[in-house]
Amino acid sequence: MFKSIGSVTTRTVSQLCAAGFVIAALSFSAAANAADWVVQPQWVKAHEDFLAGPALEGRGSATRNEAIAAAYVASQFESFGLKTAPGMSAYTQVARILQPRLAGTPKLTLAGGQALSSLSLIAGAGDVRGRFAVFDSANPADVPDSAIVVATNPSISLRELASEASAKHVKLVIAPQSDASQKLFEAIGGKTMLRSHLEGVGAEERVTLATLSASDIALLKKTAGAELALAAPTANDVAETTNAIGYLPGTDPNAGYLLITAHLDHLGVQQGTVMPGANDDASGTTAVIELAHALSARPPLRRGILFVCYGSEELGGFGSRYFGAHPPVPLSSIVANLELEMIGAQDPKLPAGHLMMTGFERSNFGEILKKNGALISSDPYPEEHFFQRSDNYSLALQGIVAHTVSGWAVVPTYHQPTDTVANLNIPFMTTAIQSLINPLRAVANGSETPQWKAGGRPSE
């Protein structure tokens, strides 16, 4: 079934204003005449009030509310005098996403036709058939290299088990039902988690994770090596995700482009609760808007700048992946990408006013920004692997020097309904955005090109 979100344009945003939705009318004159551009906290809050306000209900990935957010960003870009990107006739880029759903009741059958009726499918679907291996360890690293594996220890971590199994190309993992498995199921929304994918791109291979009752697990333990068959038919719904793109032309067509990005979507409504996403990542989107505001108010810079706010990061980084597959300029001409993610709170581990840069040591990009006055520090959470967990990563895999800057990356409001405008540190956000203007202007206007350090460029 096709699920269309319709066409949302800057006219839609104007209609929303007429209906009573307030969108900031930014004043250019005072700051434009000043010696230096000054970001105003009321501008920052105005963007947040709209993007993370009740009207957009958390900007769920690939929803109409996400598209309205993209239209809002696009209208800001257009109002600043930014151009459409080369080869594009609009300020938005739309991609189609296939969203699988279960099309029938999953069934797990043991050799001889015995159905295991306690089956609960947590993640993944499809048909899997083969002989299964059993392991009793509580250590997920002990998972055997087999198409189907059955874990018998109820204390095993299901998240770690799924990760280890996926790395070993296991197709189906079955574990005992427990309080932990029930909490995991509830945490993902109380329904089987199925992986969406971009239309025209095959779904990423993922392990299917299921649980069974203790009695069914005991039965499988007695019949180790027998054949199991999972039947979990799926069908696809189709949705659209929207990127907002603005372009500031440079004066030197051979100097390349700087890419400044954030993601504009969030979790939407989860089990009846709105997840506002004021920090994640309306804060980054606000930063991109205000950096475009500042950098476009000055004479043209040597390098062109692309300002992009992606859709569907929360669904699987689909907006950035689509942009990487359909760039308006050759990827080889993008000299660097700075992603802004969750800049709404000061990290207590960092110096006052500082943002952290993921993968700081991988390239000299952070050093160039710091040299020009950016308040940036290295990532104090290397164990979290944040470099690989944001939209910068899909572009870094294609060779672009791409990093993310964040405020407090492990803030307690992360993916919680408490991620509201009221819980943002607007003065910190304003200072953070301000601190990036001149450093980014220097990169766009200079001859220095960010480079990967030895061993810094990531690979799959």
Protein backbone atom coordinates (compact mmCIF):
# COMPACT_ATOMS: atom_id res chain seq x y z
CA MET A 1 0.00 0.00 0.00
CA PHE A 2 1.40 3.39 -1.01
CA LYS A 3 1.57 5.83 1.90
CA SER A 4 1.98 9.29 0.41
CA ILE A 5 2.84 12.35 2.48
CA GLY A 6 1.90 14.62 -0.37
CA SER A 7 3.74 17.62 -1.73
CA VAL A 8 4.83 20.15 0.88
CA THR A 9 6.32 23.42 -0.38
CA THR A 10 7.22 26.81 0.99
CA ARG A 11 3.65 27.79 0.16
CA THR A 12 2.49 25.16 2.67
CA VAL A 13 4.55 26.91 5.31
CA SER A 14 2.92 30.23 4.44
CA GLN A 15 -0.49 28.59 4.75
CA LEU A 16 0.47 27.27 8.16
CA CYS A 17 1.38 30.80 9.19
CA ALA A 18 -2.03 32.00 8.07
CA ALA A 19 -3.59 29.20 10.10
CA GLY A 20 -1.90 30.45 13.22
CA PHE A 21 1.42 28.63 13.20
CA VAL A 22 4.10 31.22 13.93
CA ILE A 23 7.28 31.01 11.89
CA ALA A 24 10.09 33.37 12.70
CA ALA A 25 10.43 36.44 10.51
CA LEU A 26 14.11 37.09 10.89
CA SER A 27 15.45 40.65 10.81
CA PHE A 28 18.60 41.14 8.75
CA SER A 29 19.28 44.86 8.98
CA ALA A 30 20.86 45.31 12.41
CA ALA A 31 23.28 42.40 12.17
CA ALA A 32 24.07 42.93 8.51
CA ASN A 33 25.26 46.45 9.24
CA ALA A 34 27.36 45.39 12.22
CA ALA A 35 31.09 44.81 11.98
CA ASP A 36 30.58 41.16 12.87
CA TRP A 37 27.52 38.98 12.54
CA VAL A 38 25.81 38.32 15.85
CA VAL A 39 23.47 35.36 16.23
CA GLN A 40 20.45 36.35 18.28
CA PRO A 41 19.04 33.93 20.86
CA GLN A 42 15.48 34.85 19.88
CA TRP A 43 16.22 33.62 16.34
CA VAL A 44 17.48 30.34 17.75
CA LYS A 45 14.46 29.89 19.98
CA ALA A 46 12.01 30.83 17.22
CA HIS A 47 13.29 28.01 15.00
CA GLU A 48 13.14 25.59 17.91
CA ASP A 49 9.63 26.63 18.86
CA PHE A 50 8.42 25.67 15.41
CA LEU A 51 10.52 22.59 14.68
CA ALA A 52 10.08 21.03 18.14
CA GLY A 53 6.66 22.53 18.83
CA PRO A 54 3.38 20.63 19.09
CA ALA A 55 2.33 21.29 15.49
CA LEU A 56 4.99 18.97 14.03
CA GLU A 57 4.53 16.18 16.60
CA GLY A 58 8.19 15.21 16.69
CA ARG A 59 8.86 15.32 12.91
CA GLY A 60 8.68 11.54 12.48
CA SER A 61 10.94 10.13 9.76
CA ALA A 62 9.34 9.98 6.31
CA THR A 63 6.10 11.63 7.47
CA ARG A 64 4.21 14.70 6.39
CA ASN A 65 5.47 16.48 9.52
CA GLU A 66 9.05 15.79 8.44
CA ALA A 67 8.21 17.23 5.02
CA ILE A 68 6.76 20.37 6.63
CA ALA A 69 9.96 20.77 8.64
CA ALA A 70 11.96 20.44 5.40
CA ALA A 71 9.73 23.06 3.73
CA TYR A 72 10.33 25.39 6.68
CA VAL A 73 14.09 25.01 6.35
CA ALA A 74 13.87 25.45 2.58
CA SER A 75 11.85 28.66 3.03
CA GLN A 76 14.55 30.02 5.35
CA PHE A 77 17.26 29.22 2.80
CA GLU A 78 15.29 30.95 0.06
CA SER A 79 14.65 34.01 2.25
CA PHE A 80 18.41 34.40 2.84
CA GLY A 81 19.01 34.55 -0.91
CA LEU A 82 20.54 31.09 -1.22
CA LYS A 83 20.21 29.46 -4.63
CA THR A 84 18.93 26.03 -5.51
CA ALA A 85 21.80 23.56 -5.76
CA PRO A 86 23.40 22.98 -9.17
CA GLY A 87 21.10 20.95 -11.38
CA MET A 88 18.15 21.29 -8.99
CA SER A 89 15.03 23.38 -9.60
CA ALA A 90 13.78 23.31 -6.00
CA TYR A 91 15.15 23.61 -2.47
CA THR A 92 14.03 20.08 -1.55
CA GLN A 93 15.14 16.62 -2.59
CA VAL A 94 12.66 13.75 -2.16
CA ALA A 95 13.47 10.05 -1.86
CA ARG A 96 11.17 7.04 -1.64
CA ILE A 97 11.57 4.56 1.19
CA LEU A 98 10.23 1.01 1.27
CA GLN A 99 8.90 0.17 4.72
CA PRO A 100 8.30 -3.57 5.25
CA ARG A 101 5.52 -4.89 7.46
CA LEU A 102 4.44 -8.36 8.44
CA ALA A 103 1.88 -9.69 5.98
CA GLY A 104 0.93 -12.71 8.03
CA THR A 105 1.50 -14.47 11.34
CA PRO A 106 5.10 -15.68 11.72
CA LYS A 107 5.45 -19.44 12.14
CA LEU A 108 8.40 -21.49 13.37
CA THR A 109 8.33 -25.20 12.61
CA LEU A 110 10.60 -27.99 13.81
CA ALA A 111 11.49 -30.90 11.52
CA GLY A 112 8.50 -33.21 11.25
CA GLY A 113 6.02 -30.33 11.23
CA GLN A 114 5.86 -29.49 14.95
CA ALA A 115 4.93 -25.81 15.35
CA LEU A 116 6.55 -23.80 18.16
CA SER A 117 3.61 -21.60 19.11
CA SER A 118 5.39 -19.46 21.72
CA LEU A 119 7.35 -17.65 18.96
CA SER A 120 7.82 -13.89 19.41
CA LEU A 121 9.58 -12.13 16.54
CA ILE A 122 11.55 -9.11 17.85
CA ALA A 123 13.43 -7.99 14.73
CA GLY A 124 13.70 -9.08 11.14
CA ALA A 125 11.45 -11.23 9.01
CA GLY A 126 11.39 -13.41 5.93
CA ASP A 127 11.83 -17.12 5.39
CA VAL A 128 14.77 -18.96 6.95
CA ARG A 129 15.34 -22.71 6.81
CA GLY A 130 18.24 -24.83 8.00
CA ARG A 131 19.77 -26.94 10.73
CA PHE A 132 20.38 -25.15 14.01
CA ALA A 133 23.20 -25.07 16.52
CA VAL A 134 22.73 -24.69 20.28
CA PHE A 135 24.97 -22.80 22.70
CA ASP A 136 24.57 -22.43 26.46
CA SER A 137 27.01 -19.58 27.14
CA ALA A 138 25.94 -16.20 28.55
CA ASN A 139 28.68 -14.57 26.46
CA PRO A 140 27.32 -13.33 23.10
CA ALA A 141 30.81 -13.65 21.60
CA ASP A 142 30.43 -17.44 21.86
CA VAL A 143 27.65 -17.51 19.28
CA PRO A 144 28.50 -20.29 16.76
CA ASP A 145 28.99 -19.66 13.07
CA SER A 146 25.78 -21.29 11.84
CA ALA A 147 22.79 -20.18 9.76
CA ILE A 148 20.44 -20.68 12.73
CA VAL A 149 21.49 -20.61 16.38
CA VAL A 150 19.56 -21.22 19.59
CA ALA A 151 20.78 -19.57 22.80
CA THR A 152 19.61 -21.33 25.96
CA ASN A 153 20.97 -18.98 28.65
CA PRO A 154 18.22 -16.49 29.65
CA SER A 155 20.76 -13.99 31.02
CA ILE A 156 22.40 -13.38 27.64
CA SER A 157 22.23 -9.80 26.29
CA LEU A 158 19.95 -9.87 23.26
CA ARG A 159 21.34 -6.66 21.76
CA GLU A 160 24.91 -7.94 21.97
CA LEU A 161 23.81 -11.37 20.78
CA ALA A 162 22.18 -9.89 17.69
CA SER A 163 25.28 -7.79 16.99
CA GLU A 164 27.67 -10.73 17.28
CA ALA A 165 25.39 -12.96 15.22
CA SER A 166 25.09 -10.36 12.49
CA ALA A 167 28.88 -10.08 12.30
CA LYS A 168 29.05 -13.86 11.76
CA HIS A 169 26.30 -13.72 9.11
CA VAL A 170 23.88 -15.78 11.17
CA LYS A 171 20.42 -15.56 9.63
CA LEU A 172 18.23 -16.44 12.62
CA VAL A 173 18.90 -16.23 16.38
CA ILE A 174 16.45 -17.68 18.89
CA ALA A 175 16.74 -16.88 22.61
CA PRO A 176 14.67 -17.59 25.74
CA GLN A 177 11.80 -15.28 26.59
CA SER A 178 12.54 -13.21 29.69
CA ASP A 179 11.82 -9.90 31.37
CA ALA A 180 14.78 -8.47 29.42
CA SER A 181 13.40 -9.64 26.08
CA GLN A 182 9.99 -8.18 26.93
CA LYS A 183 11.56 -4.83 27.84
CA LEU A 184 13.50 -4.84 24.56
CA PHE A 185 10.32 -5.57 22.64
CA GLU A 186 8.53 -2.70 24.40
CA ALA A 187 11.50 -0.38 23.78
CA ILE A 188 11.18 -0.84 20.02
CA GLY A 189 7.49 0.00 20.08
CA GLY A 190 5.85 -3.31 20.92
CA LYS A 191 5.99 -4.69 17.40
CA THR A 192 8.50 -6.52 15.24
CA MET A 193 11.24 -4.17 14.07
CA LEU A 194 11.69 -4.43 10.32
CA ARG A 195 14.40 -2.59 8.40
CA SER A 196 13.30 0.01 5.89
CA HIS A 197 15.45 0.77 2.85
CA LEU A 198 15.70 3.23 -0.01
CA GLU A 199 13.82 2.30 -3.15
CA GLY A 200 16.22 0.83 -5.70
CA VAL A 201 18.69 -0.20 -3.00
CA GLY A 202 18.51 -3.70 -1.56
CA ALA A 203 17.72 -4.04 2.13
CA GLU A 204 20.78 -4.36 4.33
CA GLU A 205 21.23 -7.95 5.47
CA ARG A 206 20.33 -8.22 9.15
CA VAL A 207 19.92 -11.09 11.57
CA THR A 208 16.37 -12.09 12.51
CA LEU A 209 15.95 -12.16 16.31
CA ALA A 210 13.19 -14.27 17.90
CA THR A 211 12.36 -15.62 21.35
CA LEU A 212 10.64 -18.78 22.58
CA SER A 213 9.28 -19.99 25.90
CA ALA A 214 11.53 -21.97 28.25
CA SER A 215 9.72 -25.21 27.36
CA ASP A 216 10.21 -24.68 23.61
CA ILE A 217 13.88 -23.80 24.17
CA ALA A 218 14.24 -27.05 26.16
CA LEU A 219 12.68 -28.98 23.27
CA LEU A 220 15.14 -27.48 20.79
CA LYS A 221 18.04 -28.26 23.09
CA LYS A 222 17.04 -31.94 22.96
CA THR A 223 16.83 -31.89 19.17
CA ALA A 224 20.01 -29.94 18.40
CA GLY A 225 21.03 -30.26 14.76
CA ALA A 226 17.53 -30.78 13.48
CA GLU A 227 16.00 -28.57 10.82
CA LEU A 228 14.02 -25.43 11.67
CA ALA A 229 11.90 -23.34 9.30
CA LEU A 230 10.77 -19.78 9.92
CA ALA A 231 8.03 -18.34 7.71
CA ALA A 232 7.47 -14.60 8.23
CA PRO A 233 5.99 -13.06 5.07
CA THR A 234 6.31 -9.31 4.52
CA ALA A 235 4.89 -6.62 2.25
CA ASN A 236 6.17 -3.10 1.63
CA ASP A 237 4.55 0.25 2.27
CA VAL A 238 6.09 3.24 0.50
CA ALA A 239 6.84 6.60 2.11
CA GLU A 240 8.78 9.69 1.12
CA THR A 241 11.58 11.46 2.96
CA THR A 242 12.69 15.01 2.26
CA ASN A 243 16.04 16.79 2.33
CA ALA A 244 16.21 20.60 2.37
CA ILE A 245 19.14 21.99 0.34
CA GLY A 246 20.37 25.56 -0.10
CA TYR A 247 23.41 26.68 -2.09
CA LEU A 248 25.73 29.64 -1.58
CA PRO A 249 27.83 29.95 -4.77
CA GLY A 250 31.56 30.54 -4.46
CA THR A 251 33.79 32.79 -6.53
CA ASP A 252 36.23 30.05 -7.64
CA PRO A 253 34.56 27.18 -9.53
CA ASN A 254 37.70 25.05 -9.07
CA ALA A 255 37.95 25.47 -5.29
CA GLY A 256 35.34 22.85 -4.39
CA TYR A 257 32.48 22.98 -1.91
CA LEU A 258 31.99 22.97 1.85
CA LEU A 259 29.03 20.91 3.10
CA ILE A 260 27.23 21.94 6.32
CA THR A 261 24.53 19.51 7.46
CA ALA A 262 22.14 18.27 10.16
CA HIS A 263 19.13 15.96 10.23
CA LEU A 264 15.68 17.48 10.61
CA ASP A 265 13.64 14.40 11.56
CA HIS A 266 13.08 12.79 14.93
CA LEU A 267 11.02 9.93 16.40
CA GLY A 268 7.55 11.40 15.91
CA VAL A 269 4.84 9.85 18.07
CA GLN A 270 5.83 6.70 19.96
CA GLN A 271 3.02 4.66 21.55
CA GLY A 272 0.86 7.77 21.82
CA THR A 273 3.63 10.02 23.22
CA VAL A 274 5.11 12.88 21.20
CA MET A 275 8.91 12.85 21.12
CA PRO A 276 9.70 16.53 20.40
CA GLY A 277 13.38 16.16 19.45
CA ALA A 278 14.31 19.74 20.38
CA ASN A 279 17.94 18.74 20.90
CA ASP A 280 17.96 15.74 18.53
CA ASP A 281 18.18 17.28 16.06
CA ALA A 282 16.15 20.47 15.84
CA SER A 283 19.19 22.06 17.48
CA GLY A 284 21.48 21.02 14.63
CA THR A 285 18.88 22.07 12.06
CA THR A 286 18.61 25.46 13.76
CA ALA A 287 22.40 25.76 13.61
CA VAL A 288 22.47 25.03 9.87
CA ILE A 289 19.76 27.64 9.30
CA GLU A 290 21.61 30.30 11.29
CA LEU A 291 24.99 29.47 9.73
CA ALA A 292 23.36 29.88 6.32
CA HIS A 293 21.87 33.16 7.56
CA ALA A 294 25.27 34.46 8.68
CA LEU A 295 27.45 33.22 5.82
CA SER A 296 25.04 34.39 3.12
CA ALA A 297 24.94 37.93 4.54
CA ARG A 298 28.55 38.62 3.62
CA PRO A 299 30.34 38.92 0.26
CA PRO A 300 30.73 35.60 -1.60
CA LEU A 301 33.42 33.21 -0.42
CA ARG A 302 35.95 31.36 -2.54
CA ARG A 303 34.34 27.97 -2.11
CA GLY A 304 30.68 27.30 -2.62
CA ILE A 305 28.72 26.07 0.40
CA LEU A 306 25.92 23.52 0.42
CA PHE A 307 23.59 23.70 3.42
CA VAL A 308 21.64 20.47 3.78
CA CYS A 309 19.14 19.23 6.37
CA TYR A 310 18.46 15.53 5.87
CA GLY A 311 15.32 13.53 6.44
CA SER A 312 15.02 10.05 7.96
CA GLU A 313 18.26 9.88 9.90
CA GLU A 314 16.40 8.16 12.71
CA LEU A 315 15.04 5.55 10.30
CA GLY A 316 18.48 4.57 9.02
CA GLY A 317 20.35 7.62 7.74
CA PHE A 318 18.33 7.53 4.53
CA GLY A 319 18.40 11.24 3.73
CA SER A 320 22.19 11.45 3.84
CA ARG A 321 22.57 8.17 1.99
CA TYR A 322 20.24 9.39 -0.76
CA PHE A 323 22.12 12.69 -0.96
CA GLY A 324 25.39 10.74 -1.26
CA ALA A 325 23.93 8.67 -4.10
CA HIS A 326 22.36 11.70 -5.85
CA PRO A 327 24.64 14.66 -5.04
CA PRO A 328 24.02 17.97 -6.84
CA VAL A 329 27.81 18.35 -7.21
CA PRO A 330 30.43 15.60 -7.62
CA LEU A 331 31.31 14.12 -4.24
CA SER A 332 34.98 14.47 -5.17
CA SER A 333 34.51 18.26 -5.20
CA ILE A 334 33.26 18.41 -1.58
CA VAL A 335 36.31 19.35 0.47
CA ALA A 336 34.75 18.73 3.89
CA ASN A 337 31.45 18.07 5.67
CA LEU A 338 30.53 19.39 9.11
CA GLU A 339 27.43 17.74 10.61
CA LEU A 340 25.72 19.42 13.60
CA GLU A 341 23.98 17.03 15.97
CA MET A 342 22.52 17.72 19.42
CA ILE A 343 24.13 21.05 20.27
CA GLY A 344 21.44 22.00 22.77
CA ALA A 345 23.32 21.28 26.01
CA GLN A 346 26.78 21.81 27.48
CA ASP A 347 28.71 18.60 28.12
CA PRO A 348 30.05 18.62 31.69
CA LYS A 349 33.18 16.83 30.47
CA LEU A 350 34.11 19.64 28.07
CA PRO A 351 35.43 23.18 28.65
CA ALA A 352 32.72 25.84 28.89
CA GLY A 353 31.24 26.67 25.50
CA HIS A 354 32.96 23.81 23.69
CA LEU A 355 31.50 21.31 21.24
CA MET A 356 33.02 17.88 20.74
CA MET A 357 34.02 16.64 17.29
CA THR A 358 33.60 12.95 16.55
CA GLY A 359 36.68 11.30 15.07
CA PHE A 360 38.70 14.46 15.76
CA GLU A 361 42.01 12.60 15.44
CA ARG A 362 41.13 11.10 12.05
CA SER A 363 41.74 14.28 10.02
CA ASN A 364 43.06 17.82 10.32
CA PHE A 365 39.61 19.40 9.83
CA GLY A 366 39.11 20.01 13.55
CA GLU A 367 42.60 21.49 13.83
CA ILE A 368 41.86 23.90 10.99
CA LEU A 369 38.62 24.99 12.64
CA LYS A 370 40.29 25.40 16.06
CA LYS A 371 43.12 27.43 14.55
CA ASN A 372 40.49 29.84 13.27
CA GLY A 373 38.73 30.17 16.61
CA ALA A 374 36.26 27.28 16.82
CA LEU A 375 35.50 26.05 20.34
CA ILE A 376 35.97 22.37 19.55
CA SER A 377 37.37 19.50 21.60
CA SER A 378 37.94 15.84 20.89
CA ASP A 379 35.23 13.28 21.66
CA PRO A 380 35.36 12.25 25.36
CA TYR A 381 33.25 9.14 24.66
CA PRO A 382 35.35 6.99 22.28
CA GLU A 383 33.66 3.83 23.57
CA GLU A 384 30.34 5.05 22.11
CA HIS A 385 31.72 5.14 18.53
CA PHE A 386 29.80 8.35 17.78
CA PHE A 387 31.82 8.96 14.59
CA GLN A 388 29.99 6.03 12.99
CA ARG A 389 26.58 6.96 14.38
CA SER A 390 25.65 10.14 12.53
CA ASP A 391 25.00 11.30 8.99
CA ASN A 392 28.66 12.21 8.44
CA TYR A 393 29.61 8.53 8.29
CA SER A 394 28.00 7.55 4.97
CA LEU A 395 29.88 10.42 3.30
CA ALA A 396 33.13 9.63 5.14
CA LEU A 397 32.92 6.10 3.72
CA GLN A 398 32.95 7.70 0.27
CA GLY A 399 36.13 9.63 1.04
CA ILE A 400 34.79 13.01 2.15
CA VAL A 401 36.45 14.41 5.26
CA ALA A 402 33.25 14.38 7.31
CA HIS A 403 32.77 14.84 11.05
CA THR A 404 29.97 15.64 13.50
CA VAL A 405 30.07 18.25 16.25
CA SER A 406 27.83 17.87 19.29
CA GLY A 407 27.19 19.37 22.69
CA TRP A 408 26.36 16.85 25.39
CA ALA A 409 26.14 13.63 23.39
CA VAL A 410 24.87 11.51 26.29
CA VAL A 411 22.39 14.05 27.63
CA PRO A 412 19.66 12.43 29.80
CA THR A 413 16.88 13.69 27.49
CA TYR A 414 18.22 11.65 24.53
CA HIS A 415 15.29 9.91 22.78
CA GLN A 416 12.96 10.86 25.62
CA PRO A 417 9.73 12.89 25.64
CA THR A 418 11.66 15.36 27.84
CA ASP A 419 13.72 16.48 24.81
CA THR A 420 11.78 19.74 24.73
CA VAL A 421 12.56 23.38 24.02
CA ALA A 422 12.24 24.07 27.74
CA ASN A 423 15.16 21.72 28.40
CA LEU A 424 17.50 23.37 25.88
CA ASN A 425 20.34 25.67 26.84
CA ILE A 426 19.56 28.43 24.35
CA PRO A 427 22.51 30.66 25.39
CA PHE A 428 24.91 27.73 24.89
CA MET A 429 23.37 26.94 21.50
CA THR A 430 23.65 30.57 20.43
CA THR A 431 27.30 30.76 21.49
CA ALA A 432 28.09 27.44 19.79
CA ILE A 433 26.61 28.61 16.48
CA GLN A 434 28.37 31.96 16.77
CA SER A 435 31.72 30.25 17.39
CA LEU A 436 31.53 28.36 14.10
CA ILE A 437 30.81 31.28 11.77
CA ASN A 438 34.31 32.68 11.30
CA PRO A 439 36.07 29.28 11.28
CA LEU A 440 33.73 27.99 8.56
CA ARG A 441 34.14 31.26 6.67
CA ALA A 442 37.92 30.75 6.84
CA VAL A 443 37.65 27.21 5.44
CA ALA A 444 35.31 28.35 2.67
CA ASN A 445 37.48 31.35 1.84
CA GLY A 446 40.90 29.77 2.27
CA SER A 447 43.24 27.62 0.30
CA GLU A 448 43.61 25.01 3.06
CA THR A 449 41.83 21.74 2.26
CA PRO A 450 41.01 19.31 5.11
CA GLN A 451 42.71 15.94 4.73
CA TRP A 452 42.44 12.52 6.32
CA LYS A 453 45.38 11.56 8.50
CA ALA A 454 47.15 8.24 7.95
CA GLY A 455 44.66 5.51 8.80
CA GLY A 456 41.91 8.02 9.52
CA ARG A 457 39.66 7.42 6.55
CA PRO A 458 37.06 4.80 7.49
CA SER A 459 36.25 1.70 5.50
CA GLU A 460 33.43 -0.80 5.88
